[in-house]
Amino acid sequence: MQHFLTSNWNYRAGNTMVLTDDTNNPKQMPTRRNILDGLRWLVRDAHPNDALFFHYSGHGGHEAMIYPVDYKRAGMIIDDEMHYILVKSLPVGCRLTAVFDSRYSSQRAILGSSSSSDTMSKAA
């Protein structure tokens, strides 16, 4: 996904964050803390006319939630948490595209509609 964004949509590699369970680097593992920190990083300093992109590929639940690799210890991330971080904090005119590739389709309701591997990217 990172290659697709940088090659086709002019996102800069330095403005992307990839979390993957295929690493030995604990800062790149999709743990609950790293995912939530990544979501906050994504929207931090967002401005009108910015284009943000979030991609989640992994396990989802029957309810609108995602499962970090450490969900048994740290818990799942529910839709309200993601909505609060990803949608409520965006300025008017900032565009967020979120793609969820998971078993259950309920994640599409996580972000709701608003006027205002995991890949997070920023393009201004």
N, C-alpha and C. Protein backbone atom coordinates (compact mmCIF):
# COMPACT_ATOMS: atom_id res chain seq x y z
N MET A 1 0.83 -1.18 0.00
CA MET A 1 0.00 0.00 0.00
C MET A 1 0.88 1.25 0.00
N GLN A 2 1.95 1.23 0.78
CA GLN A 2 2.84 2.39 0.81
C GLN A 2 3.41 2.67 -0.58
N HIS A 3 3.85 1.63 -1.27
CA HIS A 3 4.39 1.80 -2.63
C HIS A 3 3.32 2.37 -3.56
N PHE A 4 2.11 1.87 -3.46
CA PHE A 4 1.01 2.37 -4.29
C PHE A 4 0.78 3.86 -4.05
N LEU A 5 0.74 4.26 -2.79
CA LEU A 5 0.49 5.67 -2.47
C LEU A 5 1.62 6.58 -2.93
N THR A 6 2.85 6.14 -2.75
CA THR A 6 3.97 6.99 -3.14
C THR A 6 4.16 7.00 -4.65
N SER A 7 3.87 5.91 -5.32
CA SER A 7 4.06 5.83 -6.77
C SER A 7 2.92 6.45 -7.56
N ASN A 8 1.70 6.33 -7.07
CA ASN A 8 0.54 6.76 -7.85
C ASN A 8 -0.15 8.02 -7.36
N TRP A 9 0.03 8.37 -6.11
CA TRP A 9 -0.72 9.50 -5.56
C TRP A 9 0.16 10.57 -4.94
N ASN A 10 1.45 10.52 -5.20
CA ASN A 10 2.40 11.55 -4.77
C ASN A 10 2.50 11.75 -3.26
N TYR A 11 2.16 10.73 -2.49
CA TYR A 11 2.45 10.78 -1.06
C TYR A 11 3.96 10.59 -0.90
N ARG A 12 4.56 11.29 0.03
CA ARG A 12 6.00 11.15 0.27
C ARG A 12 6.24 10.01 1.26
N ALA A 13 7.25 9.20 0.97
CA ALA A 13 7.56 8.06 1.85
C ALA A 13 7.83 8.53 3.28
N GLY A 14 8.42 9.70 3.44
CA GLY A 14 8.68 10.24 4.77
C GLY A 14 7.43 10.64 5.53
N ASN A 15 6.32 10.71 4.81
CA ASN A 15 5.04 11.04 5.44
C ASN A 15 4.15 9.81 5.57
N THR A 16 4.76 8.65 5.59
CA THR A 16 3.98 7.42 5.75
C THR A 16 4.48 6.65 6.98
N MET A 17 3.59 5.87 7.52
CA MET A 17 3.91 4.98 8.63
C MET A 17 3.29 3.63 8.32
N VAL A 18 4.09 2.59 8.43
CA VAL A 18 3.59 1.24 8.19
C VAL A 18 3.83 0.41 9.45
N LEU A 19 2.77 -0.20 9.93
CA LEU A 19 2.87 -1.14 11.04
C LEU A 19 2.62 -2.52 10.47
N THR A 20 3.45 -3.49 10.85
CA THR A 20 3.31 -4.84 10.31
C THR A 20 3.71 -5.87 11.35
N ASP A 21 3.05 -7.01 11.32
CA ASP A 21 3.43 -8.07 12.25
C ASP A 21 4.59 -8.90 11.71
N ASP A 22 5.12 -8.51 10.57
CA ASP A 22 6.24 -9.19 9.93
C ASP A 22 7.53 -8.41 10.18
N THR A 23 7.81 -8.11 11.44
CA THR A 23 9.00 -7.34 11.80
C THR A 23 9.46 -7.74 13.19
N ASN A 24 10.72 -7.45 13.46
CA ASN A 24 11.26 -7.64 14.81
C ASN A 24 11.34 -6.32 15.55
N ASN A 25 11.02 -5.22 14.87
CA ASN A 25 11.07 -3.89 15.47
C ASN A 25 9.78 -3.64 16.24
N PRO A 26 9.84 -3.54 17.56
CA PRO A 26 8.61 -3.35 18.35
C PRO A 26 7.86 -2.07 18.02
N LYS A 27 8.54 -1.04 17.50
CA LYS A 27 7.88 0.21 17.14
C LYS A 27 7.06 0.08 15.85
N GLN A 28 7.31 -0.97 15.08
CA GLN A 28 6.58 -1.18 13.83
C GLN A 28 5.50 -2.26 13.95
N MET A 29 5.39 -2.87 15.12
CA MET A 29 4.36 -3.89 15.33
C MET A 29 3.00 -3.22 15.50
N PRO A 30 1.94 -3.82 14.95
CA PRO A 30 0.61 -3.22 15.09
C PRO A 30 -0.04 -3.56 16.44
N THR A 31 0.60 -3.08 17.50
CA THR A 31 0.05 -3.23 18.84
C THR A 31 -1.03 -2.17 19.04
N ARG A 32 -1.82 -2.33 20.05
CA ARG A 32 -2.85 -1.34 20.36
C ARG A 32 -2.23 0.05 20.51
N ARG A 33 -1.19 0.13 21.29
CA ARG A 33 -0.54 1.43 21.53
C ARG A 33 0.01 2.01 20.23
N ASN A 34 0.71 1.21 19.45
CA ASN A 34 1.30 1.72 18.20
C ASN A 34 0.23 2.15 17.20
N ILE A 35 -0.87 1.41 17.12
CA ILE A 35 -1.94 1.79 16.20
C ILE A 35 -2.56 3.11 16.65
N LEU A 36 -2.90 3.24 17.93
CA LEU A 36 -3.50 4.48 18.41
C LEU A 36 -2.53 5.66 18.27
N ASP A 37 -1.26 5.43 18.57
CA ASP A 37 -0.25 6.48 18.37
C ASP A 37 -0.16 6.85 16.89
N GLY A 38 -0.26 5.85 16.01
CA GLY A 38 -0.22 6.11 14.57
C GLY A 38 -1.42 6.90 14.10
N LEU A 39 -2.59 6.61 14.64
CA LEU A 39 -3.78 7.37 14.27
C LEU A 39 -3.63 8.83 14.70
N ARG A 40 -3.10 9.04 15.90
CA ARG A 40 -2.88 10.41 16.37
C ARG A 40 -1.84 11.12 15.51
N TRP A 41 -0.78 10.40 15.14
CA TRP A 41 0.25 10.97 14.25
C TRP A 41 -0.38 11.39 12.92
N LEU A 42 -1.26 10.56 12.40
CA LEU A 42 -1.86 10.82 11.10
C LEU A 42 -2.62 12.14 11.08
N VAL A 43 -3.38 12.42 12.11
CA VAL A 43 -4.22 13.62 12.11
C VAL A 43 -3.54 14.83 12.76
N ARG A 44 -2.41 14.61 13.43
CA ARG A 44 -1.70 15.72 14.06
C ARG A 44 -1.30 16.73 12.98
N ASP A 45 -1.53 17.96 13.25
CA ASP A 45 -1.18 19.06 12.34
C ASP A 45 -1.92 19.01 11.01
N ALA A 46 -3.07 18.36 10.97
CA ALA A 46 -3.88 18.33 9.74
C ALA A 46 -4.44 19.72 9.48
N HIS A 47 -4.50 20.07 8.21
CA HIS A 47 -4.99 21.38 7.77
C HIS A 47 -6.05 21.20 6.70
N PRO A 48 -6.85 22.24 6.47
CA PRO A 48 -7.79 22.19 5.34
C PRO A 48 -7.01 21.89 4.05
N ASN A 49 -7.61 21.12 3.17
CA ASN A 49 -7.04 20.70 1.89
C ASN A 49 -5.99 19.61 1.99
N ASP A 50 -5.67 19.13 3.19
CA ASP A 50 -4.78 17.98 3.32
C ASP A 50 -5.54 16.73 2.90
N ALA A 51 -4.81 15.73 2.42
CA ALA A 51 -5.40 14.43 2.08
C ALA A 51 -4.70 13.37 2.93
N LEU A 52 -5.47 12.73 3.81
CA LEU A 52 -4.94 11.70 4.70
C LEU A 52 -5.46 10.34 4.25
N PHE A 53 -4.65 9.31 4.46
CA PHE A 53 -5.03 7.97 4.05
C PHE A 53 -4.72 6.99 5.17
N PHE A 54 -5.69 6.14 5.50
CA PHE A 54 -5.51 5.10 6.51
C PHE A 54 -5.94 3.78 5.90
N HIS A 55 -5.09 2.76 6.05
CA HIS A 55 -5.41 1.43 5.54
C HIS A 55 -5.20 0.42 6.66
N TYR A 56 -6.20 -0.40 6.89
CA TYR A 56 -6.11 -1.47 7.88
C TYR A 56 -6.38 -2.79 7.18
N SER A 57 -5.46 -3.71 7.34
CA SER A 57 -5.64 -5.05 6.81
C SER A 57 -5.37 -6.02 7.95
N GLY A 58 -6.41 -6.69 8.40
CA GLY A 58 -6.25 -7.59 9.54
C GLY A 58 -7.60 -8.07 10.02
N HIS A 59 -7.63 -8.50 11.25
CA HIS A 59 -8.86 -9.04 11.81
C HIS A 59 -9.80 -7.94 12.27
N GLY A 60 -11.06 -8.13 11.97
CA GLY A 60 -12.12 -7.24 12.46
C GLY A 60 -13.15 -8.09 13.17
N GLY A 61 -13.95 -7.46 13.98
CA GLY A 61 -14.94 -8.19 14.73
C GLY A 61 -16.34 -8.01 14.17
N HIS A 62 -17.28 -8.77 14.72
CA HIS A 62 -18.69 -8.61 14.32
C HIS A 62 -19.15 -7.20 14.64
N GLU A 63 -18.65 -6.65 15.72
CA GLU A 63 -18.89 -5.25 16.04
C GLU A 63 -17.83 -4.45 15.30
N ALA A 64 -18.00 -3.17 15.25
CA ALA A 64 -17.05 -2.31 14.54
C ALA A 64 -15.79 -2.13 15.39
N MET A 65 -14.81 -3.00 15.18
CA MET A 65 -13.57 -2.95 15.93
C MET A 65 -12.46 -3.60 15.13
N ILE A 66 -11.24 -3.31 15.50
CA ILE A 66 -10.09 -3.98 14.91
C ILE A 66 -9.28 -4.64 16.03
N TYR A 67 -8.54 -5.64 15.64
CA TYR A 67 -7.78 -6.44 16.59
C TYR A 67 -6.28 -6.19 16.43
N PRO A 68 -5.65 -5.47 17.34
CA PRO A 68 -4.20 -5.35 17.32
C PRO A 68 -3.56 -6.71 17.63
N VAL A 69 -2.28 -6.85 17.37
CA VAL A 69 -1.63 -8.14 17.63
C VAL A 69 -1.64 -8.49 19.12
N ASP A 70 -1.75 -7.50 19.97
CA ASP A 70 -1.76 -7.75 21.42
C ASP A 70 -3.15 -7.59 22.04
N TYR A 71 -4.19 -7.83 21.25
CA TYR A 71 -5.56 -7.58 21.72
C TYR A 71 -5.93 -8.41 22.96
N LYS A 72 -5.37 -9.61 23.10
CA LYS A 72 -5.72 -10.42 24.27
C LYS A 72 -5.25 -9.78 25.57
N ARG A 73 -4.16 -9.04 25.50
CA ARG A 73 -3.61 -8.37 26.67
C ARG A 73 -4.10 -6.92 26.76
N ALA A 74 -4.10 -6.22 25.63
CA ALA A 74 -4.35 -4.77 25.64
C ALA A 74 -5.76 -4.39 25.22
N GLY A 75 -6.48 -5.31 24.61
CA GLY A 75 -7.84 -5.02 24.17
C GLY A 75 -7.92 -4.61 22.70
N MET A 76 -9.13 -4.64 22.20
CA MET A 76 -9.39 -4.27 20.81
C MET A 76 -9.54 -2.76 20.71
N ILE A 77 -9.54 -2.27 19.49
CA ILE A 77 -9.78 -0.84 19.26
C ILE A 77 -11.17 -0.73 18.66
N ILE A 78 -12.03 -0.04 19.37
CA ILE A 78 -13.43 0.03 18.94
C ILE A 78 -13.67 1.27 18.07
N ASP A 79 -14.80 1.24 17.39
CA ASP A 79 -15.13 2.31 16.45
C ASP A 79 -15.16 3.69 17.08
N ASP A 80 -15.66 3.80 18.30
CA ASP A 80 -15.72 5.11 18.94
C ASP A 80 -14.34 5.73 19.12
N GLU A 81 -13.35 4.90 19.47
CA GLU A 81 -11.98 5.40 19.62
C GLU A 81 -11.44 5.92 18.29
N MET A 82 -11.63 5.13 17.24
CA MET A 82 -11.13 5.54 15.92
C MET A 82 -11.86 6.78 15.42
N HIS A 83 -13.17 6.83 15.63
CA HIS A 83 -13.95 7.98 15.19
C HIS A 83 -13.48 9.25 15.90
N TYR A 84 -13.28 9.15 17.19
CA TYR A 84 -12.85 10.31 17.97
C TYR A 84 -11.50 10.82 17.47
N ILE A 85 -10.56 9.92 17.23
CA ILE A 85 -9.22 10.32 16.80
C ILE A 85 -9.20 10.76 15.34
N LEU A 86 -9.81 9.95 14.46
CA LEU A 86 -9.67 10.19 13.03
C LEU A 86 -10.64 11.21 12.45
N VAL A 87 -11.81 11.35 13.01
CA VAL A 87 -12.82 12.22 12.41
C VAL A 87 -13.03 13.49 13.21
N LYS A 88 -13.26 13.35 14.49
CA LYS A 88 -13.59 14.51 15.31
C LYS A 88 -12.49 15.56 15.34
N SER A 89 -11.25 15.14 15.19
CA SER A 89 -10.15 16.09 15.30
C SER A 89 -9.78 16.76 13.97
N LEU A 90 -10.39 16.35 12.87
CA LEU A 90 -10.01 16.91 11.57
C LEU A 90 -10.62 18.29 11.35
N PRO A 91 -9.84 19.19 10.76
CA PRO A 91 -10.41 20.50 10.43
C PRO A 91 -11.32 20.38 9.20
N VAL A 92 -12.24 21.30 9.08
CA VAL A 92 -13.10 21.35 7.90
C VAL A 92 -12.23 21.47 6.66
N GLY A 93 -12.53 20.69 5.64
CA GLY A 93 -11.78 20.75 4.40
C GLY A 93 -10.64 19.76 4.30
N CYS A 94 -10.36 19.04 5.37
CA CYS A 94 -9.33 18.00 5.35
C CYS A 94 -10.00 16.70 4.94
N ARG A 95 -9.40 15.98 3.98
CA ARG A 95 -10.00 14.75 3.47
C ARG A 95 -9.28 13.53 4.04
N LEU A 96 -10.06 12.58 4.53
CA LEU A 96 -9.53 11.32 5.05
C LEU A 96 -10.13 10.18 4.25
N THR A 97 -9.27 9.35 3.69
CA THR A 97 -9.71 8.12 3.04
C THR A 97 -9.28 6.97 3.93
N ALA A 98 -10.21 6.11 4.29
CA ALA A 98 -9.91 4.95 5.14
C ALA A 98 -10.37 3.69 4.43
N VAL A 99 -9.47 2.72 4.34
CA VAL A 99 -9.76 1.44 3.69
C VAL A 99 -9.55 0.35 4.73
N PHE A 100 -10.58 -0.46 4.92
CA PHE A 100 -10.52 -1.58 5.87
C PHE A 100 -10.61 -2.88 5.09
N ASP A 101 -9.56 -3.68 5.16
CA ASP A 101 -9.52 -4.99 4.51
C ASP A 101 -9.54 -6.02 5.64
N SER A 102 -10.75 -6.38 6.05
CA SER A 102 -10.89 -7.33 7.14
C SER A 102 -12.10 -8.22 6.88
N ARG A 103 -12.20 -9.26 7.64
CA ARG A 103 -13.22 -10.28 7.38
C ARG A 103 -14.64 -9.74 7.44
N TYR A 104 -14.92 -8.90 8.40
CA TYR A 104 -16.27 -8.39 8.57
C TYR A 104 -16.36 -6.98 8.03
N SER A 105 -17.44 -6.66 7.39
CA SER A 105 -17.57 -5.38 6.72
C SER A 105 -18.10 -4.27 7.61
N SER A 106 -18.33 -4.54 8.87
CA SER A 106 -18.91 -3.52 9.74
C SER A 106 -17.95 -2.34 9.96
N GLN A 107 -16.67 -2.51 9.65
CA GLN A 107 -15.73 -1.43 9.85
C GLN A 107 -16.06 -0.21 9.01
N ARG A 108 -16.79 -0.38 7.94
CA ARG A 108 -17.09 0.78 7.10
C ARG A 108 -17.92 1.81 7.85
N ALA A 109 -18.55 1.40 8.91
CA ALA A 109 -19.35 2.34 9.70
C ALA A 109 -18.52 3.02 10.79
N ILE A 110 -17.29 2.62 10.96
CA ILE A 110 -16.46 3.15 12.04
C ILE A 110 -16.31 4.66 11.96
N LEU A 111 -16.02 5.15 10.80
CA LEU A 111 -15.72 6.57 10.68
C LEU A 111 -16.96 7.40 10.45
N GLY A 112 -18.00 6.80 9.96
CA GLY A 112 -19.22 7.56 9.70
C GLY A 112 -18.99 8.57 8.60
N SER A 113 -19.97 9.38 8.36
CA SER A 113 -19.79 10.44 7.39
C SER A 113 -19.67 11.74 8.15
N SER A 114 -18.83 12.59 7.67
CA SER A 114 -18.59 13.85 8.34
C SER A 114 -18.17 14.88 7.31
N SER A 115 -18.45 16.09 7.58
CA SER A 115 -17.99 17.11 6.66
C SER A 115 -16.54 17.46 6.94
N SER A 116 -16.25 17.19 7.89
CA SER A 116 -14.87 17.46 8.23
C SER A 116 -13.94 16.12 7.96
N SER A 117 -1.62 -4.97 5.94
CA SER A 117 -0.74 -4.40 6.72
C SER A 117 -1.27 -3.18 7.07
N ASP A 118 -1.31 -1.88 8.25
CA ASP A 118 -1.85 -0.57 8.50
C ASP A 118 -0.91 0.43 7.85
N THR A 119 -1.48 1.24 7.00
CA THR A 119 -0.68 2.27 6.36
C THR A 119 -1.32 3.59 6.67
N MET A 120 -0.55 4.52 7.12
CA MET A 120 -1.05 5.86 7.39
C MET A 120 -0.18 6.82 6.60
N SER A 121 -0.78 7.72 5.86
CA SER A 121 -0.03 8.63 5.02
C SER A 121 -0.61 10.03 5.07
N LYS A 122 0.30 10.99 4.89
CA LYS A 122 -0.11 12.40 4.85
C LYS A 122 0.36 12.99 3.53
N ALA A 123 -0.47 13.76 2.90
CA ALA A 123 -0.06 14.54 1.73
C ALA A 123 -0.69 15.91 1.87
N ALA A 124 0.10 16.92 1.65
CA ALA A 124 -0.43 18.29 1.75
C ALA A 124 -0.41 18.95 0.39
